[in-house]
Amino acid sequence: MPFVDFSGVEEGVLDMPDFPQASEGGRNVTLFRWLCAARARGAGDREVYALANRANEGFFPPLSDREVSACARSVVASYERGDATTPRRPLSQDMRRARVEPVPMAAGRVDVSGVGSRAGADPLEQAASQLRSMFAEDDVVCVVWNPRRGYAFGGGEYTGGEGHWFRGWLTEDAGGRDTLREVVGSRLEGGVYVVANALSDGMRRHDADVARYRNLLVESDDLPRERQLERLWALFGPTAPRPFRDKLRCVVDSGHKSLHGMVACKCRTADEYRAAATLVYRYCAENGLPPDPHCSNPARLTRLAGCMRGNDIQGLVWADA
């Protein structure tokens, strides 16, 4: 491990009385809460990562390096040094009333037998089902394919690629349907994406071009996909605590190692959307689903169901009818 400078940390942060001890099933939650305590006592960004590695030594079995890094990254991205109670992005008054509480899991498992994969269904219908769950008929929807590598985190948009803007594709845009059918039927190495929220008419897909803030992407590739689905269903399905109950719009297999869960939100402005993202991501992290913090911008790309990613399908797992 590289040298970490702990100077300036509040006395005792390195010798907290009890390093966390946990077994499989509660390790992510235990580590997150303990790192929040360390953050509140003055641990800086690099110190949080170092403490996460040290704490993981007490777990049996230990978490993977990816899970440890994701948990530390979530704490660093969410809270200021010396304060692990107030998110870095301020919450609105209504958001502050929403309580983030542990979600009970029977032996760490949730019944997802009714949330089976629809990867064998017609590819075009998979794409259409996902889009119906995310957008209204008059929304401007942007589908992107052949994206080049690289992200522009500052501007929030994905760089490169070809795209097609659909308006009213659910009803009268027959040409758009033909284009969608052609894209879905192609075998593209990088796969096919859709911008998470409806856009304006400017033929651009930056965060500033989002017209309606309805969807928030939750992605966590540090757990097996079966566990990801269990967690998404427990946190946002019909038995989830309020205000998160029945907020899951759709779940799409990325064709690799993660599931893309789309969570419903009703926000009027970009500030409200950022506040909602802070709340939802904290809720996920504290309940064993450490989210990728880079997925929280409103113009984020998510995988489009029914499309091929090389030799693997981006299958629709579930969509809200």
C-alpha atoms as a PDB file:
ATOM      1  CA  MET A   1       0.000   0.000   0.000  1.00  0.00           C
ATOM      2  CA  PRO A   2       1.409   3.454  -0.851  1.00  0.00           C
ATOM      3  CA  PHE A   3       2.328   5.827   1.961  1.00  0.00           C
ATOM      4  CA  VAL A   4      -0.662   7.747   3.296  1.00  0.00           C
ATOM      5  CA  ASP A   5      -0.175  10.993   5.208  1.00  0.00           C
ATOM      6  CA  PHE A   6      -2.440  10.994   8.244  1.00  0.00           C
ATOM      7  CA  SER A   7      -1.244  14.323   9.619  1.00  0.00           C
ATOM      8  CA  GLY A   8      -4.041  16.670  10.536  1.00  0.00           C
ATOM      9  CA  VAL A   9      -6.500  13.898  11.257  1.00  0.00           C
ATOM     10  CA  GLU A  10      -8.385  14.218  14.504  1.00  0.00           C
ATOM     11  CA  GLU A  11      -6.646  12.258  17.236  1.00  0.00           C
ATOM     12  CA  GLY A  12      -8.008   8.767  17.507  1.00  0.00           C
ATOM     13  CA  VAL A  13      -9.256   8.341  13.957  1.00  0.00           C
ATOM     14  CA  LEU A  14      -6.549   5.751  13.286  1.00  0.00           C
ATOM     15  CA  ASP A  15      -7.130   3.956  16.555  1.00  0.00           C
ATOM     16  CA  MET A  16     -10.877   3.787  16.662  1.00  0.00           C
ATOM     17  CA  PRO A  17     -11.845   1.432  19.492  1.00  0.00           C
ATOM     18  CA  ASP A  18     -13.468  -1.197  17.320  1.00  0.00           C
ATOM     19  CA  PHE A  19     -12.523  -2.016  13.770  1.00  0.00           C
ATOM     20  CA  PRO A  20     -15.611  -3.495  12.123  1.00  0.00           C
ATOM     21  CA  GLN A  21     -16.098  -7.244  12.144  1.00  0.00           C
ATOM     22  CA  ALA A  22     -18.575  -8.809   9.748  1.00  0.00           C
ATOM     23  CA  SER A  23     -19.264 -11.954   7.769  1.00  0.00           C
ATOM     24  CA  GLU A  24     -20.791 -12.389   4.332  1.00  0.00           C
ATOM     25  CA  GLY A  25     -24.108 -10.615   4.024  1.00  0.00           C
ATOM     26  CA  GLY A  26     -23.381  -7.482   6.057  1.00  0.00           C
ATOM     27  CA  ARG A  27     -19.863  -6.490   5.111  1.00  0.00           C
ATOM     28  CA  ASN A  28     -20.681  -3.679   2.662  1.00  0.00           C
ATOM     29  CA  VAL A  29     -23.109  -1.986   5.039  1.00  0.00           C
ATOM     30  CA  THR A  30     -20.780  -2.392   8.013  1.00  0.00           C
ATOM     31  CA  LEU A  31     -17.805  -0.970   6.122  1.00  0.00           C
ATOM     32  CA  PHE A  32     -19.796   1.984   4.765  1.00  0.00           C
ATOM     33  CA  ARG A  33     -21.095   3.019   8.172  1.00  0.00           C
ATOM     34  CA  TRP A  34     -17.708   2.627   9.810  1.00  0.00           C
ATOM     35  CA  LEU A  35     -16.029   4.732   7.103  1.00  0.00           C
ATOM     36  CA  CYS A  36     -18.703   7.395   7.602  1.00  0.00           C
ATOM     37  CA  ALA A  37     -17.721   7.483  11.273  1.00  0.00           C
ATOM     38  CA  ALA A  38     -14.055   7.836  10.323  1.00  0.00           C
ATOM     39  CA  ARG A  39     -14.965  10.583   7.843  1.00  0.00           C
ATOM     40  CA  ALA A  40     -16.850  12.466  10.562  1.00  0.00           C
ATOM     41  CA  ARG A  41     -13.787  12.271  12.804  1.00  0.00           C
ATOM     42  CA  GLY A  42     -11.545  13.918  10.215  1.00  0.00           C
ATOM     43  CA  ALA A  43     -10.378  11.252   7.756  1.00  0.00           C
ATOM     44  CA  GLY A  44      -9.414  12.746   4.394  1.00  0.00           C
ATOM     45  CA  ASP A  45      -9.916  11.209   0.970  1.00  0.00           C
ATOM     46  CA  ARG A  46      -6.729   9.115   0.879  1.00  0.00           C
ATOM     47  CA  GLU A  47      -7.139   8.161   4.518  1.00  0.00           C
ATOM     48  CA  VAL A  48     -10.637   6.782   3.885  1.00  0.00           C
ATOM     49  CA  TYR A  49      -9.238   4.463   1.207  1.00  0.00           C
ATOM     50  CA  ALA A  50      -6.410   3.320   3.469  1.00  0.00           C
ATOM     51  CA  LEU A  51      -8.738   2.730   6.408  1.00  0.00           C
ATOM     52  CA  ALA A  52     -11.101   0.762   4.168  1.00  0.00           C
ATOM     53  CA  ASN A  53      -8.304  -1.648   3.267  1.00  0.00           C
ATOM     54  CA  ARG A  54      -7.315  -2.041   6.907  1.00  0.00           C
ATOM     55  CA  ALA A  55     -10.878  -2.627   8.031  1.00  0.00           C
ATOM     56  CA  ASN A  56     -11.430  -5.224   5.321  1.00  0.00           C
ATOM     57  CA  GLU A  57      -8.736  -7.387   6.918  1.00  0.00           C
ATOM     58  CA  GLY A  58     -11.193  -8.083   9.740  1.00  0.00           C
ATOM     59  CA  PHE A  59     -13.918  -9.430   7.461  1.00  0.00           C
ATOM     60  CA  PHE A  60     -14.422 -13.126   6.814  1.00  0.00           C
ATOM     61  CA  PRO A  61     -14.257 -13.624   3.989  1.00  0.00           C
ATOM     62  CA  PRO A  62     -12.821 -10.237   3.006  1.00  0.00           C
ATOM     63  CA  LEU A  63     -14.485  -8.106   0.362  1.00  0.00           C
ATOM     64  CA  SER A  64     -12.900  -7.878  -3.067  1.00  0.00           C
ATOM     65  CA  ASP A  65     -10.622  -4.931  -3.807  1.00  0.00           C
ATOM     66  CA  ARG A  66     -13.290  -3.540  -6.147  1.00  0.00           C
ATOM     67  CA  GLU A  67     -15.964  -3.606  -3.440  1.00  0.00           C
ATOM     68  CA  VAL A  68     -13.681  -1.955  -0.908  1.00  0.00           C
ATOM     69  CA  SER A  69     -12.705   0.756  -3.376  1.00  0.00           C
ATOM     70  CA  ALA A  70     -16.335   1.368  -4.371  1.00  0.00           C
ATOM     71  CA  CYS A  71     -17.426   1.737  -0.749  1.00  0.00           C
ATOM     72  CA  ALA A  72     -14.614   4.178   0.049  1.00  0.00           C
ATOM     73  CA  ARG A  73     -15.303   6.116  -3.146  1.00  0.00           C
ATOM     74  CA  SER A  74     -18.957   6.468  -2.204  1.00  0.00           C
ATOM     75  CA  VAL A  75     -18.096   7.903   1.233  1.00  0.00           C
ATOM     76  CA  VAL A  76     -15.543  10.325  -0.219  1.00  0.00           C
ATOM     77  CA  ALA A  77     -17.935  11.472  -2.939  1.00  0.00           C
ATOM     78  CA  SER A  78     -20.877  11.912  -0.568  1.00  0.00           C
ATOM     79  CA  TYR A  79     -19.495  13.580   2.543  1.00  0.00           C
ATOM     80  CA  GLU A  80     -17.118  16.366   3.489  1.00  0.00           C
ATOM     81  CA  ARG A  81     -14.148  15.685   5.742  1.00  0.00           C
ATOM     82  CA  GLY A  82     -15.224  16.148   9.356  1.00  0.00           C
ATOM     83  CA  ASP A  83     -18.947  15.831   8.546  1.00  0.00           C
ATOM     84  CA  ALA A  84     -20.593  12.545   7.580  1.00  0.00           C
ATOM     85  CA  THR A  85     -24.117  13.703   8.284  1.00  0.00           C
ATOM     86  CA  THR A  86     -24.578  16.386   5.622  1.00  0.00           C
ATOM     87  CA  PRO A  87     -24.177  15.282   1.982  1.00  0.00           C
ATOM     88  CA  ARG A  88     -21.830  17.284  -0.213  1.00  0.00           C
ATOM     89  CA  ARG A  89     -24.798  18.050  -2.435  1.00  0.00           C
ATOM     90  CA  PRO A  90     -27.430  19.769  -0.290  1.00  0.00           C
ATOM     91  CA  LEU A  91     -30.830  18.143  -0.003  1.00  0.00           C
ATOM     92  CA  SER A  92     -34.043  20.076  -0.409  1.00  0.00           C
ATOM     93  CA  GLN A  93     -36.327  20.390   2.621  1.00  0.00           C
ATOM     94  CA  ASP A  94     -38.609  17.628   1.334  1.00  0.00           C
ATOM     95  CA  MET A  95     -35.657  15.342   0.669  1.00  0.00           C
ATOM     96  CA  ARG A  96     -34.353  15.859   4.198  1.00  0.00           C
ATOM     97  CA  ARG A  97     -37.580  14.390   5.587  1.00  0.00           C
ATOM     98  CA  ALA A  98     -36.940  11.088   3.796  1.00  0.00           C
ATOM     99  CA  ARG A  99     -35.300   8.665   6.222  1.00  0.00           C
ATOM    100  CA  VAL A 100     -32.527   6.369   5.077  1.00  0.00           C
ATOM    101  CA  GLU A 101     -32.989   3.183   7.057  1.00  0.00           C
ATOM    102  CA  PRO A 102     -31.634  -0.358   6.804  1.00  0.00           C
ATOM    103  CA  VAL A 103     -33.690  -2.647   4.593  1.00  0.00           C
ATOM    104  CA  PRO A 104     -34.167  -6.070   6.239  1.00  0.00           C
ATOM    105  CA  MET A 105     -32.886  -9.019   4.248  1.00  0.00           C
ATOM    106  CA  ALA A 106     -33.759 -12.580   5.196  1.00  0.00           C
ATOM    107  CA  ALA A 107     -30.364 -14.268   5.320  1.00  0.00           C
ATOM    108  CA  GLY A 108     -29.194 -11.679   2.795  1.00  0.00           C
ATOM    109  CA  ARG A 109     -31.621 -12.901   0.135  1.00  0.00           C
ATOM    110  CA  VAL A 110     -34.770 -11.576  -1.508  1.00  0.00           C
ATOM    111  CA  ASP A 111     -37.262 -13.547  -3.555  1.00  0.00           C
ATOM    112  CA  VAL A 112     -36.812 -12.406  -7.163  1.00  0.00           C
ATOM    113  CA  SER A 113     -38.466 -15.415  -8.767  1.00  0.00           C
ATOM    114  CA  GLY A 114     -41.025 -13.137 -10.389  1.00  0.00           C
ATOM    115  CA  VAL A 115     -38.362 -10.892 -11.871  1.00  0.00           C
ATOM    116  CA  GLY A 116     -37.019 -13.273 -14.480  1.00  0.00           C
ATOM    117  CA  SER A 117     -34.851 -12.340 -17.444  1.00  0.00           C
ATOM    118  CA  ARG A 118     -36.599 -11.474 -20.694  1.00  0.00           C
ATOM    119  CA  ALA A 119     -33.436 -11.873 -22.766  1.00  0.00           C
ATOM    120  CA  GLY A 120     -35.157 -14.465 -24.935  1.00  0.00           C
ATOM    121  CA  ALA A 121     -37.972 -12.117 -25.963  1.00  0.00           C
ATOM    122  CA  ASP A 122     -38.056 -10.273 -29.279  1.00  0.00           C
ATOM    123  CA  PRO A 123     -35.131  -7.778 -29.243  1.00  0.00           C
ATOM    124  CA  LEU A 124     -37.174  -4.874 -30.604  1.00  0.00           C
ATOM    125  CA  GLU A 125     -39.896  -5.487 -28.035  1.00  0.00           C
ATOM    126  CA  GLN A 126     -37.279  -5.528 -25.268  1.00  0.00           C
ATOM    127  CA  ALA A 127     -36.051  -2.092 -26.391  1.00  0.00           C
ATOM    128  CA  ALA A 128     -39.611  -0.791 -26.722  1.00  0.00           C
ATOM    129  CA  SER A 129     -40.578  -2.065 -23.247  1.00  0.00           C
ATOM    130  CA  GLN A 130     -37.598  -0.349 -21.665  1.00  0.00           C
ATOM    131  CA  LEU A 131     -38.289   2.938 -23.437  1.00  0.00           C
ATOM    132  CA  ARG A 132     -41.975   2.841 -22.497  1.00  0.00           C
ATOM    133  CA  SER A 133     -41.034   2.431 -18.845  1.00  0.00           C
ATOM    134  CA  MET A 134     -38.712   5.451 -18.983  1.00  0.00           C
ATOM    135  CA  PHE A 135     -40.338   7.984 -21.320  1.00  0.00           C
ATOM    136  CA  ALA A 136     -43.628   9.604 -22.264  1.00  0.00           C
ATOM    137  CA  GLU A 137     -44.913   9.462 -25.829  1.00  0.00           C
ATOM    138  CA  ASP A 138     -43.950  13.058 -26.622  1.00  0.00           C
ATOM    139  CA  ASP A 139     -40.452  12.887 -25.122  1.00  0.00           C
ATOM    140  CA  VAL A 140     -37.341  13.473 -27.213  1.00  0.00           C
ATOM    141  CA  VAL A 141     -35.308  10.279 -26.772  1.00  0.00           C
ATOM    142  CA  CYS A 142     -31.673   9.937 -27.840  1.00  0.00           C
ATOM    143  CA  VAL A 143     -30.281   6.496 -28.739  1.00  0.00           C
ATOM    144  CA  VAL A 144     -26.487   6.310 -29.134  1.00  0.00           C
ATOM    145  CA  TRP A 145     -24.312   3.633 -30.739  1.00  0.00           C
ATOM    146  CA  ASN A 146     -20.673   3.094 -31.713  1.00  0.00           C
ATOM    147  CA  PRO A 147     -19.463   5.290 -28.831  1.00  0.00           C
ATOM    148  CA  ARG A 148     -15.749   6.049 -28.727  1.00  0.00           C
ATOM    149  CA  ARG A 149     -13.894   5.501 -25.498  1.00  0.00           C
ATOM    150  CA  GLY A 150     -13.706   8.264 -22.962  1.00  0.00           C
ATOM    151  CA  TYR A 151     -15.961  10.247 -20.679  1.00  0.00           C
ATOM    152  CA  ALA A 152     -16.134  13.979 -20.019  1.00  0.00           C
ATOM    153  CA  PHE A 153     -17.108  13.970 -16.354  1.00  0.00           C
ATOM    154  CA  GLY A 154     -16.980  17.764 -16.018  1.00  0.00           C
ATOM    155  CA  GLY A 155     -19.597  18.363 -18.682  1.00  0.00           C
ATOM    156  CA  GLY A 156     -21.516  15.229 -17.794  1.00  0.00           C
ATOM    157  CA  GLU A 157     -21.829  13.951 -21.349  1.00  0.00           C
ATOM    158  CA  TYR A 158     -20.441  10.862 -23.004  1.00  0.00           C
ATOM    159  CA  THR A 159     -18.049  11.802 -25.781  1.00  0.00           C
ATOM    160  CA  GLY A 160     -18.248  10.458 -29.295  1.00  0.00           C
ATOM    161  CA  GLY A 161     -20.565   8.040 -31.000  1.00  0.00           C
ATOM    162  CA  GLU A 162     -23.470   8.254 -33.411  1.00  0.00           C
ATOM    163  CA  GLY A 163     -26.977   9.038 -32.280  1.00  0.00           C
ATOM    164  CA  HIS A 164     -30.585   9.270 -33.384  1.00  0.00           C
ATOM    165  CA  TRP A 165     -33.153  11.548 -31.775  1.00  0.00           C
ATOM    166  CA  PHE A 166     -36.689  10.132 -31.619  1.00  0.00           C
ATOM    167  CA  ARG A 167     -39.784  12.245 -30.988  1.00  0.00           C
ATOM    168  CA  GLY A 168     -43.154  10.556 -30.637  1.00  0.00           C
ATOM    169  CA  TRP A 169     -41.618   7.270 -31.730  1.00  0.00           C
ATOM    170  CA  LEU A 170     -44.251   5.362 -29.746  1.00  0.00           C
ATOM    171  CA  THR A 171     -46.956   6.696 -32.017  1.00  0.00           C
ATOM    172  CA  GLU A 172     -46.342   8.338 -35.364  1.00  0.00           C
ATOM    173  CA  ASP A 173     -42.576   8.280 -35.997  1.00  0.00           C
ATOM    174  CA  ALA A 174     -42.468   5.216 -38.268  1.00  0.00           C
ATOM    175  CA  GLY A 175     -39.075   6.264 -39.656  1.00  0.00           C
ATOM    176  CA  GLY A 176     -37.731   6.341 -36.134  1.00  0.00           C
ATOM    177  CA  ARG A 177     -39.064   2.858 -35.523  1.00  0.00           C
ATOM    178  CA  ASP A 178     -37.259   1.621 -38.624  1.00  0.00           C
ATOM    179  CA  THR A 179     -34.035   3.197 -37.380  1.00  0.00           C
ATOM    180  CA  LEU A 180     -34.511   1.673 -33.948  1.00  0.00           C
ATOM    181  CA  ARG A 181     -35.178  -1.742 -35.493  1.00  0.00           C
ATOM    182  CA  GLU A 182     -31.974  -1.449 -37.544  1.00  0.00           C
ATOM    183  CA  VAL A 183     -29.884  -0.446 -34.521  1.00  0.00           C
ATOM    184  CA  VAL A 184     -31.345  -3.165 -32.298  1.00  0.00           C
ATOM    185  CA  GLY A 185     -30.629  -5.788 -34.948  1.00  0.00           C
ATOM    186  CA  SER A 186     -26.983  -4.788 -35.347  1.00  0.00           C
ATOM    187  CA  ARG A 187     -24.047  -6.471 -33.626  1.00  0.00           C
ATOM    188  CA  LEU A 188     -21.993  -3.527 -32.346  1.00  0.00           C
ATOM    189  CA  GLU A 189     -18.806  -4.040 -30.370  1.00  0.00           C
ATOM    190  CA  GLY A 190     -19.550  -1.218 -27.948  1.00  0.00           C
ATOM    191  CA  GLY A 191     -23.262  -1.927 -27.655  1.00  0.00           C
ATOM    192  CA  VAL A 192     -26.116   0.587 -27.816  1.00  0.00           C
ATOM    193  CA  TYR A 193     -27.152   3.198 -25.268  1.00  0.00           C
ATOM    194  CA  VAL A 194     -30.022   5.537 -24.512  1.00  0.00           C
ATOM    195  CA  VAL A 195     -29.724   8.850 -22.673  1.00  0.00           C
ATOM    196  CA  ALA A 196     -31.370   8.391 -19.278  1.00  0.00           C
ATOM    197  CA  ASN A 197     -33.692  11.397 -19.530  1.00  0.00           C
ATOM    198  CA  ALA A 198     -35.721  13.198 -22.181  1.00  0.00           C
ATOM    199  CA  LEU A 199     -33.886  15.962 -24.035  1.00  0.00           C
ATOM    200  CA  SER A 200     -34.761  19.279 -25.624  1.00  0.00           C
ATOM    201  CA  ASP A 201     -34.952  19.777 -29.390  1.00  0.00           C
ATOM    202  CA  GLY A 202     -31.403  21.097 -29.705  1.00  0.00           C
ATOM    203  CA  MET A 203     -29.927  17.807 -30.964  1.00  0.00           C
ATOM    204  CA  ARG A 204     -27.396  17.860 -28.118  1.00  0.00           C
ATOM    205  CA  ARG A 205     -27.072  15.525 -25.156  1.00  0.00           C
ATOM    206  CA  HIS A 206     -25.343  17.476 -22.407  1.00  0.00           C
ATOM    207  CA  ASP A 207     -26.735  17.698 -18.880  1.00  0.00           C
ATOM    208  CA  ALA A 208     -27.948  21.223 -19.682  1.00  0.00           C
ATOM    209  CA  ASP A 209     -30.050  19.807 -22.541  1.00  0.00           C
ATOM    210  CA  VAL A 210     -32.197  17.575 -20.326  1.00  0.00           C
ATOM    211  CA  ALA A 211     -35.839  18.651 -20.550  1.00  0.00           C
ATOM    212  CA  ARG A 212     -37.464  16.296 -18.022  1.00  0.00           C
ATOM    213  CA  TYR A 213     -35.805  14.803 -14.954  1.00  0.00           C
ATOM    214  CA  ARG A 214     -37.540  11.464 -14.486  1.00  0.00           C
ATOM    215  CA  ASN A 215     -34.903   8.719 -14.325  1.00  0.00           C
ATOM    216  CA  LEU A 216     -31.836   8.057 -12.189  1.00  0.00           C
ATOM    217  CA  LEU A 217     -29.355   5.305 -13.082  1.00  0.00           C
ATOM    218  CA  VAL A 218     -28.116   3.000 -10.332  1.00  0.00           C
ATOM    219  CA  GLU A 219     -25.206   0.753 -11.318  1.00  0.00           C
ATOM    220  CA  SER A 220     -23.072  -1.319  -8.976  1.00  0.00           C
ATOM    221  CA  ASP A 221     -20.725  -3.839 -10.553  1.00  0.00           C
ATOM    222  CA  ASP A 222     -19.054  -4.950  -7.310  1.00  0.00           C
ATOM    223  CA  LEU A 223     -21.544  -7.740  -6.601  1.00  0.00           C
ATOM    224  CA  PRO A 224     -22.601 -10.786  -8.641  1.00  0.00           C
ATOM    225  CA  ARG A 225     -25.501  -9.931 -10.917  1.00  0.00           C
ATOM    226  CA  GLU A 226     -27.919 -12.123  -8.954  1.00  0.00           C
ATOM    227  CA  ARG A 227     -27.135 -10.151  -5.798  1.00  0.00           C
ATOM    228  CA  GLN A 228     -27.427  -6.864  -7.680  1.00  0.00           C
ATOM    229  CA  LEU A 229     -30.949  -7.833  -8.740  1.00  0.00           C
ATOM    230  CA  GLU A 230     -31.879  -8.889  -5.216  1.00  0.00           C
ATOM    231  CA  ARG A 231     -30.673  -5.590  -3.823  1.00  0.00           C
ATOM    232  CA  LEU A 232     -32.408  -3.470  -6.486  1.00  0.00           C
ATOM    233  CA  TRP A 233     -35.678  -5.304  -5.900  1.00  0.00           C
ATOM    234  CA  ALA A 234     -35.391  -5.035  -2.110  1.00  0.00           C
ATOM    235  CA  LEU A 235     -34.528  -1.332  -2.202  1.00  0.00           C
ATOM    236  CA  PHE A 236     -36.928  -0.116  -4.907  1.00  0.00           C
ATOM    237  CA  GLY A 237     -39.498  -2.886  -5.448  1.00  0.00           C
ATOM    238  CA  PRO A 238     -43.040  -3.303  -4.085  1.00  0.00           C
ATOM    239  CA  THR A 239     -41.881  -4.191  -0.548  1.00  0.00           C
ATOM    240  CA  ALA A 240     -39.272  -1.435  -0.208  1.00  0.00           C
ATOM    241  CA  PRO A 241     -39.715   1.225   2.490  1.00  0.00           C
ATOM    242  CA  ARG A 242     -41.270   4.555   1.568  1.00  0.00           C
ATOM    243  CA  PRO A 243     -40.386   6.824  -0.201  1.00  0.00           C
ATOM    244  CA  PHE A 244     -38.502   4.266  -2.326  1.00  0.00           C
ATOM    245  CA  ARG A 245     -41.333   1.761  -2.838  1.00  0.00           C
ATOM    246  CA  ASP A 246     -42.216   0.894  -6.454  1.00  0.00           C
ATOM    247  CA  LYS A 247     -39.595   3.273  -7.828  1.00  0.00           C
ATOM    248  CA  LEU A 248     -37.872   0.749 -10.085  1.00  0.00           C
ATOM    249  CA  ARG A 249     -38.722   1.493 -13.724  1.00  0.00           C
ATOM    250  CA  CYS A 250     -36.585  -1.165 -15.421  1.00  0.00           C
ATOM    251  CA  VAL A 251     -33.498  -3.359 -15.072  1.00  0.00           C
ATOM    252  CA  VAL A 252     -31.210  -4.102 -18.028  1.00  0.00           C
ATOM    253  CA  ASP A 253     -28.280  -6.515 -18.173  1.00  0.00           C
ATOM    254  CA  SER A 254     -25.265  -4.584 -19.463  1.00  0.00           C
ATOM    255  CA  GLY A 255     -24.000  -7.635 -21.340  1.00  0.00           C
ATOM    256  CA  HIS A 256     -20.973  -7.692 -19.067  1.00  0.00           C
ATOM    257  CA  LYS A 257     -20.820  -7.727 -15.251  1.00  0.00           C
ATOM    258  CA  SER A 258     -23.422  -5.220 -14.095  1.00  0.00           C
ATOM    259  CA  LEU A 259     -27.134  -4.525 -14.154  1.00  0.00           C
ATOM    260  CA  HIS A 260     -28.466  -1.062 -14.935  1.00  0.00           C
ATOM    261  CA  GLY A 261     -31.350  -0.192 -12.621  1.00  0.00           C
ATOM    262  CA  MET A 262     -33.455   2.838 -13.546  1.00  0.00           C
ATOM    263  CA  VAL A 263     -35.046   4.516 -10.532  1.00  0.00           C
ATOM    264  CA  ALA A 264     -38.026   6.851 -10.938  1.00  0.00           C
ATOM    265  CA  CYS A 265     -37.738  10.420  -9.725  1.00  0.00           C
ATOM    266  CA  LYS A 266     -39.954  13.452 -10.255  1.00  0.00           C
ATOM    267  CA  CYS A 267     -37.699  16.483 -10.250  1.00  0.00           C
ATOM    268  CA  ARG A 268     -38.366  19.927 -11.691  1.00  0.00           C
ATOM    269  CA  THR A 269     -34.810  21.267 -11.788  1.00  0.00           C
ATOM    270  CA  ALA A 270     -31.211  20.110 -12.017  1.00  0.00           C
ATOM    271  CA  ASP A 271     -30.698  21.015  -8.345  1.00  0.00           C
ATOM    272  CA  GLU A 272     -33.610  18.821  -7.291  1.00  0.00           C
ATOM    273  CA  TYR A 273     -32.216  16.010  -9.417  1.00  0.00           C
ATOM    274  CA  ARG A 274     -28.789  16.277  -7.753  1.00  0.00           C
ATOM    275  CA  ALA A 275     -30.457  16.207  -4.346  1.00  0.00           C
ATOM    276  CA  ALA A 276     -32.433  13.105  -5.315  1.00  0.00           C
ATOM    277  CA  ALA A 277     -29.263  11.408  -6.580  1.00  0.00           C
ATOM    278  CA  THR A 278     -27.497  12.143  -3.283  1.00  0.00           C
ATOM    279  CA  LEU A 279     -30.353  10.626  -1.299  1.00  0.00           C
ATOM    280  CA  VAL A 280     -30.779   7.537  -3.494  1.00  0.00           C
ATOM    281  CA  TYR A 281     -27.050   6.800  -3.680  1.00  0.00           C
ATOM    282  CA  ARG A 282     -26.661   7.130   0.070  1.00  0.00           C
ATOM    283  CA  TYR A 283     -29.641   4.819   0.561  1.00  0.00           C
ATOM    284  CA  CYS A 284     -28.061   2.253  -1.781  1.00  0.00           C
ATOM    285  CA  ALA A 285     -24.623   2.454  -0.171  1.00  0.00           C
ATOM    286  CA  GLU A 286     -25.999   2.007   3.331  1.00  0.00           C
ATOM    287  CA  ASN A 287     -27.942  -1.064   2.235  1.00  0.00           C
ATOM    288  CA  GLY A 288     -25.266  -3.149   0.551  1.00  0.00           C
ATOM    289  CA  LEU A 289     -25.450  -1.798  -3.007  1.00  0.00           C
ATOM    290  CA  PRO A 290     -22.521   0.648  -3.376  1.00  0.00           C
ATOM    291  CA  PRO A 291     -23.383   2.685  -6.500  1.00  0.00           C
ATOM    292  CA  ASP A 292     -20.985   4.005  -9.099  1.00  0.00           C
ATOM    293  CA  PRO A 293     -20.912   7.750  -8.247  1.00  0.00           C
ATOM    294  CA  HIS A 294     -20.147   8.654 -11.856  1.00  0.00           C
ATOM    295  CA  CYS A 295     -23.623   7.539 -12.986  1.00  0.00           C
ATOM    296  CA  SER A 296     -25.587  10.290 -11.250  1.00  0.00           C
ATOM    297  CA  ASN A 297     -25.766  12.958 -13.963  1.00  0.00           C
ATOM    298  CA  PRO A 298     -29.112  13.344 -15.782  1.00  0.00           C
ATOM    299  CA  ALA A 299     -27.715  12.909 -19.324  1.00  0.00           C
ATOM    300  CA  ARG A 300     -25.960   9.684 -18.413  1.00  0.00           C
ATOM    301  CA  LEU A 301     -26.001   6.865 -20.955  1.00  0.00           C
ATOM    302  CA  THR A 302     -27.571   3.560 -19.965  1.00  0.00           C
ATOM    303  CA  ARG A 303     -27.684   0.310 -21.933  1.00  0.00           C
ATOM    304  CA  LEU A 304     -30.567  -0.201 -24.361  1.00  0.00           C
ATOM    305  CA  ALA A 305     -32.223  -3.605 -23.973  1.00  0.00           C
ATOM    306  CA  GLY A 306     -32.390  -6.083 -26.835  1.00  0.00           C
ATOM    307  CA  CYS A 307     -29.138  -4.906 -28.435  1.00  0.00           C
ATOM    308  CA  MET A 308     -25.954  -6.890 -28.889  1.00  0.00           C
ATOM    309  CA  ARG A 309     -22.710  -5.908 -27.179  1.00  0.00           C
ATOM    310  CA  GLY A 310     -20.293  -7.882 -29.279  1.00  0.00           C
ATOM    311  CA  ASN A 311     -21.413 -11.491 -28.741  1.00  0.00           C
ATOM    312  CA  ASP A 312     -23.465 -10.748 -25.601  1.00  0.00           C
ATOM    313  CA  ILE A 313     -27.001  -9.412 -25.400  1.00  0.00           C
ATOM    314  CA  GLN A 314     -28.023  -6.427 -23.330  1.00  0.00           C
ATOM    315  CA  GLY A 315     -31.071  -8.284 -22.069  1.00  0.00           C
ATOM    316  CA  LEU A 316     -34.146  -6.755 -20.480  1.00  0.00           C
ATOM    317  CA  VAL A 317     -34.449  -8.272 -17.014  1.00  0.00           C
ATOM    318  CA  TRP A 318     -37.557  -6.394 -15.934  1.00  0.00           C
ATOM    319  CA  ALA A 319     -39.637  -3.378 -16.962  1.00  0.00           C
ATOM    320  CA  ASP A 320     -42.569  -1.671 -15.251  1.00  0.00           C
ATOM    321  CA  ALA A 321     -45.585  -2.272 -17.442  1.00  0.00           C
END
